[in-house]
Amino acid sequence: MMKYLLFFGVCLVAVKSSAQDFVYIHDVIPQVEYDIRYFSTNNFMGVRVDGYKKPIAMLSREAALALKKVQNDLDKKGYGLKIFDAYRPQKGVNHFIRWALVTEDTVTKSVYYPDLDKSVLFDLGYIAERSGHTRGSALDLTIVYKDTKKEVDMGSPWDFFGDISHHGTTKISDGQTSNRRILQKVMLENGFKQYDNEWWHYTLINEPYPDTYFDFDVK
């Protein structure tokens, strides 16, 4: 089913309410670790995000198969993957927008954006009216040590809004920079591109649905 979504009265985009060629990441990469915080209250909004019915992650088949190659390369180096978010329903993005517009709701500020005023999150690119996640080929992830499943130190937490989360930041140690480059290198080598403001965010370059925004639930 196709519908059209109007953003702030100006921007029409195609939205589909049913999955096409999407897969669960754990079906393609059985050893993958999950920390799906949008299913919980441990996220920048402090509430479960609309459309997250289970703590699992989905991607387009093409993105998942590329990610499997990433895991295979990391496995040789003693690392595994942990997924924070992947496909995100449009209703979830709309939830982000509603939250961002309520500037007095700053319950999570001290944890997720302590150095920023909530009013600038749109301008700085941390909250957007449209998300590549909704097209099904973008994801947020980190690496863990294969033996212990402990997260590798990347210098800032996932979904932290600030300069320290940017690629190329000078606010982290050389070791933390090297850890980020392990993830960056293997993602770029396997067909993904980075988002400069977030060390954890990558998108498949040849994504199969570049102009379609899906709205089926994560379940």
C-alpha atoms as a PDB file:
ATOM      1  CA  MET A   1       0.000   0.000   0.000  1.00  0.00           C
ATOM      2  CA  MET A   2       1.399   3.388  -1.027  1.00  0.00           C
ATOM      3  CA  LYS A   3       0.614   6.677   0.615  1.00  0.00           C
ATOM      4  CA  TYR A   4       2.203  10.099   0.648  1.00  0.00           C
ATOM      5  CA  LEU A   5       3.471  11.955   3.674  1.00  0.00           C
ATOM      6  CA  LEU A   6       3.506  15.732   3.994  1.00  0.00           C
ATOM      7  CA  PHE A   7       6.342  17.156   6.087  1.00  0.00           C
ATOM      8  CA  PHE A   8       5.664  20.614   7.515  1.00  0.00           C
ATOM      9  CA  GLY A   9       3.376  21.302   4.586  1.00  0.00           C
ATOM     10  CA  VAL A  10       6.063  21.274   1.907  1.00  0.00           C
ATOM     11  CA  CYS A  11       7.736  17.932   1.260  1.00  0.00           C
ATOM     12  CA  LEU A  12       5.902  14.948  -0.214  1.00  0.00           C
ATOM     13  CA  VAL A  13       7.556  11.517  -0.024  1.00  0.00           C
ATOM     14  CA  ALA A  14       6.344   8.046  -0.908  1.00  0.00           C
ATOM     15  CA  VAL A  15       5.632   5.853   2.109  1.00  0.00           C
ATOM     16  CA  LYS A  16       4.882   2.129   1.952  1.00  0.00           C
ATOM     17  CA  SER A  17       3.144   0.344   4.782  1.00  0.00           C
ATOM     18  CA  SER A  18       4.250  -3.213   3.954  1.00  0.00           C
ATOM     19  CA  ALA A  19       7.633  -4.962   3.908  1.00  0.00           C
ATOM     20  CA  GLN A  20       9.026  -6.064   0.599  1.00  0.00           C
ATOM     21  CA  ASP A  21      12.429  -7.747   0.520  1.00  0.00           C
ATOM     22  CA  PHE A  22      13.360  -7.182   4.183  1.00  0.00           C
ATOM     23  CA  VAL A  23      15.036  -9.688   6.496  1.00  0.00           C
ATOM     24  CA  TYR A  24      15.860  -9.986  10.186  1.00  0.00           C
ATOM     25  CA  ILE A  25      19.551  -9.355  10.751  1.00  0.00           C
ATOM     26  CA  HIS A  26      19.846 -12.288  13.165  1.00  0.00           C
ATOM     27  CA  ASP A  27      18.610 -14.652  10.434  1.00  0.00           C
ATOM     28  CA  VAL A  28      21.531 -13.600   8.223  1.00  0.00           C
ATOM     29  CA  ILE A  29      24.106 -13.111  11.012  1.00  0.00           C
ATOM     30  CA  PRO A  30      23.121 -15.477  13.851  1.00  0.00           C
ATOM     31  CA  GLN A  31      25.893 -14.265  16.176  1.00  0.00           C
ATOM     32  CA  VAL A  32      24.891 -10.599  15.992  1.00  0.00           C
ATOM     33  CA  GLU A  33      24.333  -8.753  19.284  1.00  0.00           C
ATOM     34  CA  TYR A  34      21.354  -6.425  19.750  1.00  0.00           C
ATOM     35  CA  ASP A  35      20.810  -3.384  21.960  1.00  0.00           C
ATOM     36  CA  ILE A  36      17.581  -2.017  20.478  1.00  0.00           C
ATOM     37  CA  ARG A  37      17.100   0.973  22.745  1.00  0.00           C
ATOM     38  CA  TYR A  38      14.213   2.445  20.780  1.00  0.00           C
ATOM     39  CA  PHE A  39      12.207  -0.524  22.055  1.00  0.00           C
ATOM     40  CA  SER A  40      13.033   0.632  25.602  1.00  0.00           C
ATOM     41  CA  THR A  41      13.052   3.922  27.512  1.00  0.00           C
ATOM     42  CA  ASN A  42      16.871   4.064  27.417  1.00  0.00           C
ATOM     43  CA  ASN A  43      17.098   6.463  24.485  1.00  0.00           C
ATOM     44  CA  PHE A  44      17.234  10.202  23.817  1.00  0.00           C
ATOM     45  CA  MET A  45      13.441  10.589  24.105  1.00  0.00           C
ATOM     46  CA  GLY A  46      13.110   8.541  27.284  1.00  0.00           C
ATOM     47  CA  VAL A  47      10.133   6.541  25.946  1.00  0.00           C
ATOM     48  CA  ARG A  48       9.614   3.597  23.623  1.00  0.00           C
ATOM     49  CA  VAL A  49       9.560   4.784  20.035  1.00  0.00           C
ATOM     50  CA  ASP A  50       6.437   4.319  17.923  1.00  0.00           C
ATOM     51  CA  GLY A  51       6.593   1.264  15.666  1.00  0.00           C
ATOM     52  CA  TYR A  52       9.068  -0.774  17.721  1.00  0.00           C
ATOM     53  CA  LYS A  53       7.116  -3.864  18.777  1.00  0.00           C
ATOM     54  CA  LYS A  54      10.067  -6.186  19.438  1.00  0.00           C
ATOM     55  CA  PRO A  55      13.775  -5.642  20.299  1.00  0.00           C
ATOM     56  CA  ILE A  56      15.009  -6.886  16.928  1.00  0.00           C
ATOM     57  CA  ALA A  57      16.474  -5.322  13.787  1.00  0.00           C
ATOM     58  CA  MET A  58      15.565  -5.560  10.106  1.00  0.00           C
ATOM     59  CA  LEU A  59      17.265  -4.463   6.889  1.00  0.00           C
ATOM     60  CA  SER A  60      16.777  -4.777   3.174  1.00  0.00           C
ATOM     61  CA  ARG A  61      18.144  -8.108   2.011  1.00  0.00           C
ATOM     62  CA  GLU A  62      20.927  -6.365   0.097  1.00  0.00           C
ATOM     63  CA  ALA A  63      22.090  -4.422   3.151  1.00  0.00           C
ATOM     64  CA  ALA A  64      21.950  -7.502   5.378  1.00  0.00           C
ATOM     65  CA  LEU A  65      24.058  -9.550   2.966  1.00  0.00           C
ATOM     66  CA  ALA A  66      26.635  -6.751   2.789  1.00  0.00           C
ATOM     67  CA  LEU A  67      26.639  -6.617   6.587  1.00  0.00           C
ATOM     68  CA  LYS A  68      27.309 -10.360   6.712  1.00  0.00           C
ATOM     69  CA  LYS A  69      30.526  -9.691   4.782  1.00  0.00           C
ATOM     70  CA  VAL A  70      31.390  -7.074   7.383  1.00  0.00           C
ATOM     71  CA  GLN A  71      30.888  -9.650  10.146  1.00  0.00           C
ATOM     72  CA  ASN A  72      33.012 -12.202   8.293  1.00  0.00           C
ATOM     73  CA  ASP A  73      35.881  -9.722   8.039  1.00  0.00           C
ATOM     74  CA  LEU A  74      35.580  -8.686  11.682  1.00  0.00           C
ATOM     75  CA  ASP A  75      35.449 -12.285  12.851  1.00  0.00           C
ATOM     76  CA  LYS A  76      38.994 -12.825  11.581  1.00  0.00           C
ATOM     77  CA  LYS A  77      40.134  -9.945  13.794  1.00  0.00           C
ATOM     78  CA  GLY A  78      38.338 -11.108  16.922  1.00  0.00           C
ATOM     79  CA  TYR A  79      35.336  -8.788  16.749  1.00  0.00           C
ATOM     80  CA  GLY A  80      31.587  -9.052  16.331  1.00  0.00           C
ATOM     81  CA  LEU A  81      28.739  -6.670  15.568  1.00  0.00           C
ATOM     82  CA  LYS A  82      26.227  -5.053  17.887  1.00  0.00           C
ATOM     83  CA  ILE A  83      23.191  -3.351  16.355  1.00  0.00           C
ATOM     84  CA  PHE A  84      21.464  -0.384  18.002  1.00  0.00           C
ATOM     85  CA  ASP A  85      19.019   0.373  15.200  1.00  0.00           C
ATOM     86  CA  ALA A  86      18.408  -0.574  11.583  1.00  0.00           C
ATOM     87  CA  TYR A  87      15.146  -0.230   9.661  1.00  0.00           C
ATOM     88  CA  ARG A  88      13.027   2.460  11.340  1.00  0.00           C
ATOM     89  CA  PRO A  89       9.319   2.915  10.547  1.00  0.00           C
ATOM     90  CA  GLN A  90       8.211   6.340   9.363  1.00  0.00           C
ATOM     91  CA  LYS A  91       5.956   6.517  12.413  1.00  0.00           C
ATOM     92  CA  GLY A  92       9.113   6.326  14.523  1.00  0.00           C
ATOM     93  CA  VAL A  93      10.667   9.243  12.645  1.00  0.00           C
ATOM     94  CA  ASN A  94       7.445  11.197  13.136  1.00  0.00           C
ATOM     95  CA  HIS A  95       7.703  10.441  16.867  1.00  0.00           C
ATOM     96  CA  PHE A  96      11.218  11.950  16.872  1.00  0.00           C
ATOM     97  CA  ILE A  97       9.883  15.076  15.159  1.00  0.00           C
ATOM     98  CA  ARG A  98       7.077  15.526  17.674  1.00  0.00           C
ATOM     99  CA  TRP A  99       9.522  15.123  20.547  1.00  0.00           C
ATOM    100  CA  ALA A 100      11.991  17.613  19.084  1.00  0.00           C
ATOM    101  CA  LEU A 101       9.274  20.258  18.725  1.00  0.00           C
ATOM    102  CA  VAL A 102       8.387  20.076  22.432  1.00  0.00           C
ATOM    103  CA  THR A 103      11.388  22.102  23.562  1.00  0.00           C
ATOM    104  CA  GLU A 104      10.454  22.010  27.243  1.00  0.00           C
ATOM    105  CA  ASP A 105      10.805  18.192  27.351  1.00  0.00           C
ATOM    106  CA  THR A 106      14.468  17.880  28.336  1.00  0.00           C
ATOM    107  CA  VAL A 107      14.341  14.849  30.642  1.00  0.00           C
ATOM    108  CA  THR A 108      17.216  13.113  28.828  1.00  0.00           C
ATOM    109  CA  LYS A 109      19.360  16.195  28.163  1.00  0.00           C
ATOM    110  CA  SER A 110      22.041  15.405  30.762  1.00  0.00           C
ATOM    111  CA  VAL A 111      22.714  12.019  29.168  1.00  0.00           C
ATOM    112  CA  TYR A 112      22.206  12.524  25.426  1.00  0.00           C
ATOM    113  CA  TYR A 113      22.777  16.219  24.620  1.00  0.00           C
ATOM    114  CA  PRO A 114      24.236  17.975  27.702  1.00  0.00           C
ATOM    115  CA  ASP A 115      26.078  20.662  25.716  1.00  0.00           C
ATOM    116  CA  LEU A 116      23.324  21.518  23.238  1.00  0.00           C
ATOM    117  CA  ASP A 117      20.017  23.320  23.382  1.00  0.00           C
ATOM    118  CA  LYS A 118      17.249  21.029  22.173  1.00  0.00           C
ATOM    119  CA  SER A 119      16.115  23.690  19.692  1.00  0.00           C
ATOM    120  CA  VAL A 120      19.251  23.207  17.544  1.00  0.00           C
ATOM    121  CA  LEU A 121      18.979  19.436  17.044  1.00  0.00           C
ATOM    122  CA  PHE A 122      17.252  19.834  13.661  1.00  0.00           C
ATOM    123  CA  ASP A 123      19.772  22.387  12.386  1.00  0.00           C
ATOM    124  CA  LEU A 124      22.740  20.241  13.430  1.00  0.00           C
ATOM    125  CA  GLY A 125      21.388  17.141  11.698  1.00  0.00           C
ATOM    126  CA  TYR A 126      20.729  14.967  14.747  1.00  0.00           C
ATOM    127  CA  ILE A 127      16.966  14.931  14.162  1.00  0.00           C
ATOM    128  CA  ALA A 128      15.588  14.921  10.612  1.00  0.00           C
ATOM    129  CA  GLU A 129      12.194  14.969   8.905  1.00  0.00           C
ATOM    130  CA  ARG A 130      13.288  12.030   6.769  1.00  0.00           C
ATOM    131  CA  SER A 131      15.690   9.254   7.700  1.00  0.00           C
ATOM    132  CA  GLY A 132      17.694   6.838   5.626  1.00  0.00           C
ATOM    133  CA  HIS A 133      16.812   4.219   8.232  1.00  0.00           C
ATOM    134  CA  THR A 134      13.246   4.265   6.931  1.00  0.00           C
ATOM    135  CA  ARG A 135      14.447   3.176   3.486  1.00  0.00           C
ATOM    136  CA  GLY A 136      15.718  -0.033   5.061  1.00  0.00           C
ATOM    137  CA  SER A 137      19.429   0.061   4.255  1.00  0.00           C
ATOM    138  CA  ALA A 138      20.881   2.240   7.034  1.00  0.00           C
ATOM    139  CA  LEU A 139      21.868   1.116  10.485  1.00  0.00           C
ATOM    140  CA  ASP A 140      23.505   2.183  13.737  1.00  0.00           C
ATOM    141  CA  LEU A 141      26.093  -0.232  15.065  1.00  0.00           C
ATOM    142  CA  THR A 142      29.324  -0.789  16.923  1.00  0.00           C
ATOM    143  CA  ILE A 143      31.790  -3.613  17.378  1.00  0.00           C
ATOM    144  CA  VAL A 144      32.268  -5.922  20.349  1.00  0.00           C
ATOM    145  CA  TYR A 145      35.043  -8.274  21.345  1.00  0.00           C
ATOM    146  CA  LYS A 146      34.053 -11.689  20.041  1.00  0.00           C
ATOM    147  CA  ASP A 147      34.993 -13.580  23.189  1.00  0.00           C
ATOM    148  CA  THR A 148      33.506 -11.283  25.840  1.00  0.00           C
ATOM    149  CA  LYS A 149      30.776  -9.453  23.865  1.00  0.00           C
ATOM    150  CA  LYS A 150      32.004  -6.256  25.532  1.00  0.00           C
ATOM    151  CA  GLU A 151      31.680  -3.109  23.428  1.00  0.00           C
ATOM    152  CA  VAL A 152      34.887  -1.668  22.035  1.00  0.00           C
ATOM    153  CA  ASP A 153      35.569   1.833  23.404  1.00  0.00           C
ATOM    154  CA  MET A 154      34.546   4.341  20.738  1.00  0.00           C
ATOM    155  CA  GLY A 155      34.993   7.442  22.894  1.00  0.00           C
ATOM    156  CA  SER A 156      31.332   8.414  23.055  1.00  0.00           C
ATOM    157  CA  PRO A 157      28.076   6.523  23.534  1.00  0.00           C
ATOM    158  CA  TRP A 158      25.639   5.706  20.764  1.00  0.00           C
ATOM    159  CA  ASP A 159      23.155   8.484  19.969  1.00  0.00           C
ATOM    160  CA  PHE A 160      25.120  11.123  21.863  1.00  0.00           C
ATOM    161  CA  PHE A 161      24.432  14.488  20.235  1.00  0.00           C
ATOM    162  CA  GLY A 162      27.673  16.452  20.116  1.00  0.00           C
ATOM    163  CA  ASP A 163      30.996  17.003  18.362  1.00  0.00           C
ATOM    164  CA  ILE A 164      32.590  14.068  20.163  1.00  0.00           C
ATOM    165  CA  SER A 165      30.410  11.715  18.092  1.00  0.00           C
ATOM    166  CA  HIS A 166      31.653  13.089  14.772  1.00  0.00           C
ATOM    167  CA  HIS A 167      34.141  11.309  12.541  1.00  0.00           C
ATOM    168  CA  GLY A 168      37.439  13.151  12.830  1.00  0.00           C
ATOM    169  CA  THR A 169      36.773  14.607  16.274  1.00  0.00           C
ATOM    170  CA  THR A 170      39.818  15.598  18.305  1.00  0.00           C
ATOM    171  CA  LYS A 171      37.985  15.062  21.603  1.00  0.00           C
ATOM    172  CA  ILE A 172      38.839  11.365  21.940  1.00  0.00           C
ATOM    173  CA  SER A 173      42.052   9.433  22.516  1.00  0.00           C
ATOM    174  CA  ASP A 174      44.242   7.910  19.825  1.00  0.00           C
ATOM    175  CA  GLY A 175      43.095   4.458  20.909  1.00  0.00           C
ATOM    176  CA  GLN A 176      39.432   5.404  20.621  1.00  0.00           C
ATOM    177  CA  THR A 177      40.101   6.920  17.196  1.00  0.00           C
ATOM    178  CA  SER A 178      41.769   3.679  16.106  1.00  0.00           C
ATOM    179  CA  ASN A 179      38.759   1.693  17.318  1.00  0.00           C
ATOM    180  CA  ARG A 180      36.412   3.839  15.259  1.00  0.00           C
ATOM    181  CA  ARG A 181      38.612   3.283  12.239  1.00  0.00           C
ATOM    182  CA  ILE A 182      38.323  -0.487  12.594  1.00  0.00           C
ATOM    183  CA  LEU A 183      34.565  -0.172  12.133  1.00  0.00           C
ATOM    184  CA  GLN A 184      34.843   2.536   9.494  1.00  0.00           C
ATOM    185  CA  LYS A 185      37.330   0.605   7.363  1.00  0.00           C
ATOM    186  CA  VAL A 186      35.371  -2.635   7.282  1.00  0.00           C
ATOM    187  CA  MET A 187      32.077  -0.866   6.557  1.00  0.00           C
ATOM    188  CA  LEU A 188      33.507   1.199   3.695  1.00  0.00           C
ATOM    189  CA  GLU A 189      35.231  -1.845   2.212  1.00  0.00           C
ATOM    190  CA  ASN A 190      31.909  -3.687   2.074  1.00  0.00           C
ATOM    191  CA  GLY A 191      29.783  -1.108   0.301  1.00  0.00           C
ATOM    192  CA  PHE A 192      28.580   1.232   3.049  1.00  0.00           C
ATOM    193  CA  LYS A 193      29.075   4.971   3.445  1.00  0.00           C
ATOM    194  CA  GLN A 194      29.430   6.858   6.708  1.00  0.00           C
ATOM    195  CA  TYR A 195      27.460   9.760   8.166  1.00  0.00           C
ATOM    196  CA  ASP A 196      30.034  12.279   9.319  1.00  0.00           C
ATOM    197  CA  ASN A 197      28.120  13.434  12.413  1.00  0.00           C
ATOM    198  CA  GLU A 198      27.702   9.942  13.875  1.00  0.00           C
ATOM    199  CA  TRP A 199      30.486   7.354  14.106  1.00  0.00           C
ATOM    200  CA  TRP A 200      27.878   4.564  14.408  1.00  0.00           C
ATOM    201  CA  HIS A 201      25.690   5.366  11.358  1.00  0.00           C
ATOM    202  CA  TYR A 202      26.265   3.732   7.961  1.00  0.00           C
ATOM    203  CA  THR A 203      24.148   3.363   4.826  1.00  0.00           C
ATOM    204  CA  LEU A 204      24.475   0.890   1.965  1.00  0.00           C
ATOM    205  CA  ILE A 205      25.675   2.863  -1.058  1.00  0.00           C
ATOM    206  CA  ASN A 206      23.636   0.887  -3.588  1.00  0.00           C
ATOM    207  CA  GLU A 207      20.473   0.786  -1.496  1.00  0.00           C
ATOM    208  CA  PRO A 208      17.525  -0.905  -3.238  1.00  0.00           C
ATOM    209  CA  TYR A 209      14.844   1.604  -2.154  1.00  0.00           C
ATOM    210  CA  PRO A 210      16.518   5.042  -2.378  1.00  0.00           C
ATOM    211  CA  ASP A 211      13.235   6.933  -2.790  1.00  0.00           C
ATOM    212  CA  THR A 212      10.854   4.882  -0.647  1.00  0.00           C
ATOM    213  CA  TYR A 213      10.101   5.330   3.050  1.00  0.00           C
ATOM    214  CA  PHE A 214       8.495   2.343   4.761  1.00  0.00           C
ATOM    215  CA  ASP A 215       6.104   2.377   7.707  1.00  0.00           C
ATOM    216  CA  PHE A 216       5.553  -1.249   8.767  1.00  0.00           C
ATOM    217  CA  ASP A 217       6.329  -2.039  12.410  1.00  0.00           C
ATOM    218  CA  VAL A 218       9.505  -3.677  13.685  1.00  0.00           C
ATOM    219  CA  LYS A 219       8.101  -6.974  14.954  1.00  0.00           C
END
